[in-house]
N, C-alpha and C. Protein backbone atom coordinates (compact mmCIF):
# COMPACT_ATOMS: atom_id res chain seq x y z
N MET A 1 -13.30 -58.05 5.30
CA MET A 1 -12.38 -59.25 5.73
C MET A 1 -11.92 -59.83 4.45
N HIS A 2 -11.11 -59.03 3.76
CA HIS A 2 -10.53 -59.52 2.52
C HIS A 2 -9.36 -60.55 2.71
N GLU A 3 -9.08 -60.91 4.09
CA GLU A 3 -8.13 -62.06 4.42
C GLU A 3 -8.64 -63.24 3.78
N VAL A 4 -9.91 -63.72 3.88
CA VAL A 4 -10.53 -64.91 3.46
C VAL A 4 -10.25 -64.87 2.00
N ASP A 5 -10.53 -64.06 1.05
CA ASP A 5 -10.07 -64.06 -0.38
C ASP A 5 -8.67 -64.18 -0.54
N MET A 6 -7.67 -63.51 0.14
CA MET A 6 -6.37 -63.62 0.12
C MET A 6 -5.83 -65.15 0.38
N THR A 7 -6.66 -65.64 1.42
CA THR A 7 -6.05 -67.04 1.87
C THR A 7 -6.52 -68.00 0.76
N LYS A 8 -7.76 -67.90 -0.07
CA LYS A 8 -8.04 -68.59 -1.13
C LYS A 8 -6.82 -68.46 -2.50
N CYS A 9 -6.69 -67.26 -2.38
CA CYS A 9 -5.64 -67.05 -3.43
C CYS A 9 -4.19 -67.73 -3.25
N LEU A 10 -3.62 -67.45 -2.01
CA LEU A 10 -2.73 -68.04 -1.43
C LEU A 10 -2.74 -69.48 -1.65
N ILE A 11 -3.76 -70.25 -1.12
CA ILE A 11 -3.74 -71.79 -1.28
C ILE A 11 -3.65 -72.14 -2.77
N LEU A 12 -4.41 -71.40 -3.76
CA LEU A 12 -4.31 -71.79 -5.11
C LEU A 12 -2.80 -71.59 -5.59
N SER A 13 -2.13 -70.60 -5.44
CA SER A 13 -0.83 -70.50 -5.77
C SER A 13 0.03 -71.32 -5.20
N MET A 14 -0.17 -72.04 -3.95
CA MET A 14 0.54 -72.99 -3.43
C MET A 14 0.28 -74.33 -4.02
N GLU A 15 -1.01 -74.44 -4.62
CA GLU A 15 -1.31 -75.77 -5.31
C GLU A 15 -0.62 -75.59 -6.64
N GLU A 16 -0.61 -74.52 -7.35
CA GLU A 16 -0.01 -74.45 -8.61
C GLU A 16 1.57 -74.76 -8.57
N TRP A 17 2.06 -74.12 -7.31
CA TRP A 17 3.51 -74.33 -7.01
C TRP A 17 4.05 -75.87 -7.03
N ALA A 18 3.05 -76.65 -5.95
CA ALA A 18 3.31 -77.66 -5.65
C ALA A 18 3.12 -78.84 -6.83
N GLU A 19 2.21 -78.50 -7.74
CA GLU A 19 1.89 -79.28 -8.74
C GLU A 19 3.48 -79.41 -9.58
N LYS A 20 3.95 -78.32 -9.77
CA LYS A 20 5.44 -78.39 -10.38
C LYS A 20 6.41 -79.36 -9.54
N LYS A 21 6.28 -79.29 -8.22
CA LYS A 21 7.08 -79.92 -7.39
C LYS A 21 6.90 -81.44 -7.00
N ASN A 22 5.71 -81.82 -7.48
CA ASN A 22 5.03 -83.07 -7.11
C ASN A 22 4.79 -83.02 -5.74
N LYS A 23 3.62 -82.68 -5.48
CA LYS A 23 3.20 -82.40 -4.09
C LYS A 23 3.13 -83.59 -2.94
N LYS A 24 2.81 -84.82 -3.67
CA LYS A 24 3.18 -85.90 -2.74
C LYS A 24 4.41 -86.13 -2.33
N LYS A 25 5.41 -85.53 -2.63
CA LYS A 25 6.82 -85.73 -2.24
C LYS A 25 7.42 -84.73 -1.52
N ILE A 26 6.58 -83.61 -1.16
CA ILE A 26 7.10 -82.49 -0.44
C ILE A 26 6.40 -82.20 0.91
N VAL A 27 6.84 -81.56 1.92
CA VAL A 27 6.27 -81.06 3.07
C VAL A 27 6.59 -79.51 3.15
N VAL A 28 5.76 -78.73 3.19
CA VAL A 28 5.86 -77.24 3.16
C VAL A 28 5.92 -77.18 4.80
N GLU A 29 7.18 -76.36 5.06
CA GLU A 29 7.26 -76.11 6.59
C GLU A 29 6.95 -74.40 6.83
N LYS A 30 7.23 -73.69 5.86
CA LYS A 30 6.90 -72.06 6.04
C LYS A 30 6.71 -71.65 4.67
N ILE A 31 5.77 -70.71 4.71
CA ILE A 31 5.46 -69.84 3.52
C ILE A 31 5.72 -68.34 4.00
N ASN A 32 6.79 -67.90 3.32
CA ASN A 32 7.18 -66.49 3.71
C ASN A 32 6.55 -65.36 3.02
N LEU A 33 5.82 -64.68 3.59
CA LEU A 33 5.00 -63.73 2.68
C LEU A 33 5.59 -62.15 2.82
N LYS A 34 5.32 -61.26 2.00
CA LYS A 34 5.68 -59.89 1.91
C LYS A 34 4.37 -59.09 1.69
N ILE A 35 3.93 -58.24 2.73
CA ILE A 35 2.79 -57.71 2.64
C ILE A 35 2.80 -56.33 2.90
N GLY A 36 2.46 -55.21 1.93
CA GLY A 36 2.59 -53.85 2.26
C GLY A 36 1.54 -53.45 3.07
N GLU A 37 1.95 -52.36 3.82
CA GLU A 37 0.87 -51.83 4.78
C GLU A 37 -0.27 -51.16 4.14
N PHE A 38 -0.17 -50.77 2.80
CA PHE A 38 -1.13 -49.99 2.37
C PHE A 38 -2.36 -51.12 1.98
N THR A 39 -1.97 -52.30 2.01
CA THR A 39 -3.10 -53.32 1.53
C THR A 39 -4.09 -53.48 2.67
N CYS A 40 -3.70 -52.95 3.84
CA CYS A 40 -4.92 -53.20 4.98
C CYS A 40 -4.96 -54.67 5.42
N VAL A 41 -4.04 -55.60 5.10
CA VAL A 41 -4.30 -56.90 5.80
C VAL A 41 -3.74 -56.80 7.11
N GLU A 42 -4.44 -57.50 7.94
CA GLU A 42 -4.22 -57.65 9.36
C GLU A 42 -3.50 -59.04 9.42
N PRO A 43 -2.20 -59.04 9.58
CA PRO A 43 -1.32 -60.20 9.76
C PRO A 43 -2.01 -61.20 10.49
N ILE A 44 -2.46 -60.99 11.59
CA ILE A 44 -2.79 -62.26 12.56
C ILE A 44 -4.12 -62.67 12.08
N SER A 45 -4.92 -61.94 11.34
CA SER A 45 -6.49 -62.21 10.68
C SER A 45 -5.83 -63.16 9.62
N LEU A 46 -4.95 -62.88 8.86
CA LEU A 46 -4.51 -63.79 7.71
C LEU A 46 -3.83 -65.13 7.99
N ILE A 47 -3.18 -65.04 9.13
CA ILE A 47 -2.62 -66.16 9.60
C ILE A 47 -3.70 -67.18 10.14
N ASN A 48 -4.67 -66.60 10.90
CA ASN A 48 -5.65 -67.44 11.66
C ASN A 48 -6.40 -68.03 10.30
N THR A 49 -6.95 -67.05 9.57
CA THR A 49 -7.77 -67.59 8.48
C THR A 49 -7.13 -68.87 7.39
N PHE A 50 -5.58 -68.72 7.36
CA PHE A 50 -5.11 -69.60 6.86
C PHE A 50 -5.06 -70.84 7.36
N ASN A 51 -4.62 -70.92 8.71
CA ASN A 51 -4.49 -71.99 9.52
C ASN A 51 -5.99 -72.81 9.46
N ALA A 52 -6.92 -72.18 9.69
CA ALA A 52 -8.37 -72.65 9.70
C ALA A 52 -8.56 -73.35 8.20
N ALA A 53 -8.29 -72.89 7.23
CA ALA A 53 -8.42 -73.19 5.92
C ALA A 53 -7.83 -74.40 5.68
N VAL A 54 -6.60 -74.51 5.90
CA VAL A 54 -5.77 -75.81 5.61
C VAL A 54 -5.86 -76.82 6.70
N LEU A 55 -6.33 -76.76 7.56
CA LEU A 55 -6.60 -77.72 8.78
C LEU A 55 -7.04 -79.10 8.01
N GLY A 56 -6.24 -80.11 8.22
CA GLY A 56 -6.33 -81.34 7.55
C GLY A 56 -6.02 -81.50 6.17
N SER A 57 -5.27 -80.64 5.67
CA SER A 57 -4.95 -80.66 4.23
C SER A 57 -3.33 -80.70 3.99
N TRP A 58 -2.62 -80.83 2.89
CA TRP A 58 -1.43 -81.10 2.82
C TRP A 58 -0.44 -79.83 3.53
N LEU A 59 -1.11 -78.71 3.66
CA LEU A 59 -0.49 -77.59 4.11
C LEU A 59 -0.79 -77.48 5.53
N ASP A 60 -1.25 -78.43 6.31
CA ASP A 60 -1.67 -78.29 7.82
C ASP A 60 -0.50 -78.00 8.66
N SER A 61 0.52 -78.48 8.31
CA SER A 61 1.69 -78.46 9.18
C SER A 61 2.61 -77.12 8.71
N SER A 62 2.28 -76.44 7.82
CA SER A 62 2.96 -75.29 7.39
C SER A 62 2.95 -73.99 8.11
N GLU A 63 3.76 -72.99 8.16
CA GLU A 63 3.49 -71.94 8.83
C GLU A 63 3.76 -70.70 7.99
N ILE A 64 3.17 -69.42 8.51
CA ILE A 64 3.03 -68.32 7.73
C ILE A 64 4.02 -67.46 8.44
N THR A 65 5.03 -66.85 7.73
CA THR A 65 5.55 -65.57 8.38
C THR A 65 5.50 -64.45 7.29
N ILE A 66 5.18 -63.32 7.98
CA ILE A 66 4.86 -61.95 7.20
C ILE A 66 5.90 -61.00 7.48
N GLU A 67 6.31 -60.43 6.36
CA GLU A 67 7.35 -59.44 6.38
C GLU A 67 6.67 -58.22 6.00
N THR A 68 6.47 -57.03 6.97
CA THR A 68 5.47 -55.95 6.26
C THR A 68 6.24 -54.91 5.68
N ILE A 69 5.96 -54.61 4.48
CA ILE A 69 6.66 -53.58 3.78
C ILE A 69 5.99 -52.13 4.05
N PRO A 70 6.75 -51.13 4.65
CA PRO A 70 6.27 -49.80 4.72
C PRO A 70 5.38 -49.23 3.47
N PHE A 71 4.48 -48.43 3.93
CA PHE A 71 3.91 -47.62 2.94
C PHE A 71 4.73 -46.26 2.48
N GLU A 72 5.30 -46.14 1.46
CA GLU A 72 6.01 -45.13 1.03
C GLU A 72 5.51 -44.52 -0.18
N GLY A 73 5.48 -43.17 -0.13
CA GLY A 73 5.03 -42.25 -1.31
C GLY A 73 6.22 -41.41 -1.58
N LYS A 74 6.16 -40.72 -2.71
CA LYS A 74 6.95 -39.64 -3.54
C LYS A 74 6.25 -38.54 -3.67
N CYS A 75 6.45 -37.24 -3.34
CA CYS A 75 5.98 -36.13 -3.58
C CYS A 75 6.19 -35.55 -4.69
N SER A 76 5.26 -35.32 -5.79
CA SER A 76 5.61 -34.88 -7.11
C SER A 76 6.01 -33.39 -7.08
N LYS A 77 5.88 -32.77 -6.26
CA LYS A 77 6.09 -31.34 -6.13
C LYS A 77 7.53 -30.99 -5.65
N CYS A 78 7.86 -31.71 -4.58
CA CYS A 78 9.14 -31.51 -4.02
C CYS A 78 10.25 -32.81 -4.23
N ASN A 79 9.80 -33.78 -4.77
CA ASN A 79 10.70 -34.97 -5.20
C ASN A 79 10.94 -35.85 -3.78
N ARG A 80 10.45 -35.44 -2.75
CA ARG A 80 10.81 -36.14 -1.41
C ARG A 80 10.13 -37.40 -1.31
N LEU A 81 10.75 -38.39 -0.69
CA LEU A 81 10.25 -39.66 -0.35
C LEU A 81 9.65 -39.65 1.06
N TYR A 82 8.64 -40.10 1.26
CA TYR A 82 8.00 -40.00 2.67
C TYR A 82 7.16 -41.09 3.06
N PHE A 83 6.70 -41.36 4.17
CA PHE A 83 5.78 -42.39 4.85
C PHE A 83 4.44 -41.62 5.12
N PRO A 84 3.48 -41.63 3.84
CA PRO A 84 2.24 -41.18 4.09
C PRO A 84 1.54 -41.60 5.26
N LYS A 85 0.63 -40.61 5.74
CA LYS A 85 -0.15 -41.01 7.07
C LYS A 85 -1.65 -40.80 6.81
N LYS A 86 -2.58 -41.49 7.28
CA LYS A 86 -3.94 -41.35 7.16
C LYS A 86 -4.64 -40.01 7.48
N GLU A 87 -3.95 -39.71 8.65
CA GLU A 87 -4.41 -38.52 9.63
C GLU A 87 -4.29 -37.38 9.08
N ASN A 88 -3.51 -37.00 7.88
CA ASN A 88 -3.26 -35.81 7.14
C ASN A 88 -3.54 -36.10 5.84
N GLY A 89 -4.30 -37.21 5.45
CA GLY A 89 -4.79 -37.20 4.11
C GLY A 89 -3.74 -37.80 3.14
N TYR A 90 -2.72 -38.35 3.86
CA TYR A 90 -1.61 -38.78 3.07
C TYR A 90 -0.74 -37.78 2.28
N LYS A 91 -0.89 -36.60 2.60
CA LYS A 91 -0.22 -35.51 2.03
C LYS A 91 1.22 -35.47 2.32
N SER A 92 2.26 -34.87 1.52
CA SER A 92 3.60 -34.50 1.90
C SER A 92 3.85 -33.84 3.06
N PRO A 93 4.71 -34.25 3.96
CA PRO A 93 4.88 -33.62 5.22
C PRO A 93 5.69 -32.21 4.85
N CYS A 94 6.38 -32.32 3.72
CA CYS A 94 7.26 -30.97 3.69
C CYS A 94 6.36 -30.01 2.75
N CYS A 95 5.44 -30.34 2.06
CA CYS A 95 4.83 -29.22 1.22
C CYS A 95 3.44 -29.23 1.27
N ASN A 96 2.73 -30.09 2.10
CA ASN A 96 1.28 -30.59 1.99
C ASN A 96 0.65 -30.82 0.61
N PHE A 97 1.42 -31.33 -0.17
CA PHE A 97 0.95 -31.68 -1.54
C PHE A 97 0.29 -33.12 -1.56
N ASN A 98 -0.74 -33.47 -2.19
CA ASN A 98 -1.43 -34.86 -2.39
C ASN A 98 -0.43 -35.80 -2.81
N LEU A 99 -0.72 -36.81 -2.32
CA LEU A 99 -0.01 -38.05 -2.42
C LEU A 99 -0.26 -38.54 -4.17
N GLU A 100 0.62 -38.72 -4.99
CA GLU A 100 0.47 -38.90 -6.44
C GLU A 100 1.02 -40.39 -6.84
N GLU A 101 2.25 -40.49 -6.15
CA GLU A 101 3.28 -41.63 -6.50
C GLU A 101 3.24 -42.58 -5.36
N ILE A 102 2.92 -43.81 -5.33
CA ILE A 102 3.10 -44.72 -4.18
C ILE A 102 4.43 -45.71 -4.64
N ILE A 103 5.28 -45.77 -3.72
CA ILE A 103 6.81 -46.38 -4.11
C ILE A 103 6.62 -47.73 -3.61
N SER A 104 5.99 -48.08 -2.19
CA SER A 104 5.97 -49.31 -1.78
C SER A 104 4.86 -49.32 -0.77
N GLY A 105 4.40 -50.53 -0.53
CA GLY A 105 3.35 -50.71 0.40
C GLY A 105 2.03 -51.29 -0.14
N ARG A 106 2.12 -51.54 -1.39
CA ARG A 106 0.91 -52.40 -2.00
C ARG A 106 1.41 -53.95 -2.19
N GLU A 107 2.54 -54.24 -1.93
CA GLU A 107 2.82 -55.62 -2.16
C GLU A 107 2.00 -56.66 -1.32
N LEU A 108 1.82 -57.95 -2.29
CA LEU A 108 1.35 -58.94 -1.52
C LEU A 108 1.85 -60.04 -2.24
N LYS A 109 2.88 -60.70 -1.74
CA LYS A 109 3.34 -61.88 -2.48
C LYS A 109 4.20 -62.79 -1.78
N ILE A 110 4.24 -63.94 -2.42
CA ILE A 110 5.29 -65.19 -1.59
C ILE A 110 6.45 -64.80 -2.06
N ALA A 111 7.29 -64.51 -0.83
CA ALA A 111 8.90 -64.22 -1.04
C ALA A 111 9.49 -65.44 -1.11
N SER A 112 9.02 -66.55 -0.42
CA SER A 112 9.86 -67.80 -0.55
C SER A 112 9.03 -68.90 0.04
N ILE A 113 9.38 -70.06 -0.01
CA ILE A 113 8.71 -71.06 0.44
C ILE A 113 9.91 -72.18 1.15
N ASP A 114 9.46 -72.24 2.12
CA ASP A 114 10.71 -73.46 2.91
C ASP A 114 10.12 -74.71 2.84
N PHE A 115 10.50 -75.82 2.29
CA PHE A 115 10.18 -77.11 2.32
C PHE A 115 11.07 -78.02 2.27
N LYS A 116 10.83 -79.51 2.51
CA LYS A 116 11.65 -80.52 2.52
C LYS A 116 10.98 -81.57 1.67
N GLU A 117 11.64 -82.68 1.29
CA GLU A 117 11.40 -83.64 0.55
C GLU A 117 10.94 -84.68 1.50
N LYS A 118 9.98 -85.59 1.30
CA LYS A 118 9.60 -86.71 2.23
C LYS A 118 10.58 -87.82 1.94
């Protein structure tokens, strides 16, 4: 359940961001996240954990949106981009070569923050 640790990091990041904006003068409406498939984060678990953690805080009225970034690899043997699957050991579907390069899917970042001033 690494969603708890991710929620802690998200709240700390939001605190740092808010200090620069003068937290007392803003209302965060939406936190837009980009999360890669290969992080194995369950979006609903992260949202529920966040909602429980911020209850009664300055982030209580904020909402999280999550854009899932596909897990994409590149075969170093045939140079083809593909979407690795656990079922076949993440091997290239064209030549069955082992995955050596991850192009996307490990992201975990705040893409943007929607807020208004009080």
